[in-house]
């Protein structure tokens, strides 16, 4: 150990571990074994300009300590240590101790501009979600591509100037004009009746929740270009059919989360009405006096307007407009209508584009109902995310219950394909565990693939053994697993639109299906996976995931390599203390310490037997 040492992951140096509630104390202790150090100062700061410098206490030992009271509001706080020196010539100088990357053990530097600060997340409210969510296994359905429940596969209400695939095995493609814009949208014709018909399949797989990509009226097949928030897209079915589907799903204990796309609408929507489909004088584009005109930002009316990422087909909404806010989450708004139908939650598309106050308004609406969940699309660490120059409030209380866990997908792929060392994965997720409030961490919406990413099997180069490992990581990590439709069937595909093929009902890869089903079953049979504590173990080549509580445990070792790996107890390391001794761990593993190439070892039982 170096002459100066602090580790934010060990409670002998910082208590408690992780995020804290407003008005909680945090105990900091730093070890200094250097005779030239005359004192240590704790420096705590935040984005609002707060900066406290506190002399730490020392009582003749090598430990400097201070208990800091976080009573100045929610937010992300940053801290480091100043060490004061007196050299042999009685000259005073400072050095600085801060983080290396994320949390854990840090390093000593000579200059303040070299410092990387540690982070503490201070939140105002725990975000407890209902058991149906926390204990669930979700399935993401891209409605057009799942199943057509009509006789002879007839498509409901085909849209003008579109094309319908002649065969469900056709690969999706875009027809674009000379400007690169999509000129004709393509459809397979999946619908609500089809989803209803496939409920037995979902039940057999072990699914308890569905996340639907948008279902409201739109021109495209993906429906992120909303035409009318209050109308079901007729190609999917009717409101009555949607209500019947919801009822049937609920009868089978399957809950439903809808996609809320409130950052932008379609250019050809009832609100913008670029092409006049909703009347020649209706909509913001066609009438400066339209009630919808203030919803948009025109720089030169009507042709130049703010759009989502510059995509002209997606005019951006001014979310600060009070009328739009009431339209979405007011007493007679969009959320009120569909919540009354019985939907169980919402996933907010591009949450970065939604002001914190707007998200808070949505949350207040959902809180009127019992047991509804609000999730957000955030691709990074949501605790310290900055968007549009502002530190976001996503997970500090009364905003989101949880966020999509894209870091899990990113790290899983790095581990399975790029030879990323298990220790790197462990450090990344221990940092995330430290930065998130515990309930937020456990509310994460886990994924290894979505409609916005290449298919996981394609990114694994078609290796179904590694796909099985990816499914294992998806179901074992804290959070709620969500399977992208068809991943369990062996669907492949690159970037959009290739990742949105029709479900291969007559060509399901049984190896992929069984691999997915195996992990769902393990999770279902071991409640400790959904609720228990979390610790990552690692060797040079192997990653172990331990889920445990006071009585039970599940421990799985993952070998992503193409060679056999043998685990020895002496090799196993952790970033935080093991809840058991190495001798107990050795008793658990016993002689079953050999992992085949691209394989796993699983142990479960009573932790302290």
Foldseek 3Di string as FASTA:
>chain_A
DDQKKAFLQEVVAWPPFFAEAAFDKIKGKIFHNDPFWPWKWKWKDFPVGDIDTHTFDDDPHRITMDIDTRHPDFAKMWIWMWTWGQDPVRDIAIWIWADDPFGTMTDIGRDPVVHDTYIYGYFHDAQDFDPLQLLFAEAEDLQQFEFQLDPVQDFFPDDPQAEEDPDLQDFDDFDADPVRHGRHAYTPQGALNTVLVCVVVCVLLPGQEYEYQAQAADRHSRCLQHQDLQAGHRRRHHPVSVLVSCVSSVVVNYAYAYEDNQFWHFCCHQAANVPQPNHQQGHLLRHVPHPSVQQWAAPDHPPRTDADVPDPRTTGTPLVDPVSLCQDQNPPHSCNVVVVSPHAEYEYEPCLSHAQVSQLSNLVSCVVDPRHFYEYEDQDLLRQDDHPRRGHPCQRDSGHQEYEDNVLLVVLLCLQPVVPWLVVVQVVVSSSCNRHDVRRQLAHEYENDELQFFQNCVSNVNPLLSLLVSLLSQQQGRHHHYYYPQSLQSQGAGGPPSRRRRRPPPRRDVSSNVSNSVNSVVSVVDVLSSPFDWWWKHFRFKIKIWRDDQWKIKIKIFGSAQAKDFDDLVRIDTSYDDPDDSVLVCVQCPRVGIAHHSGMDMTMGTSPD
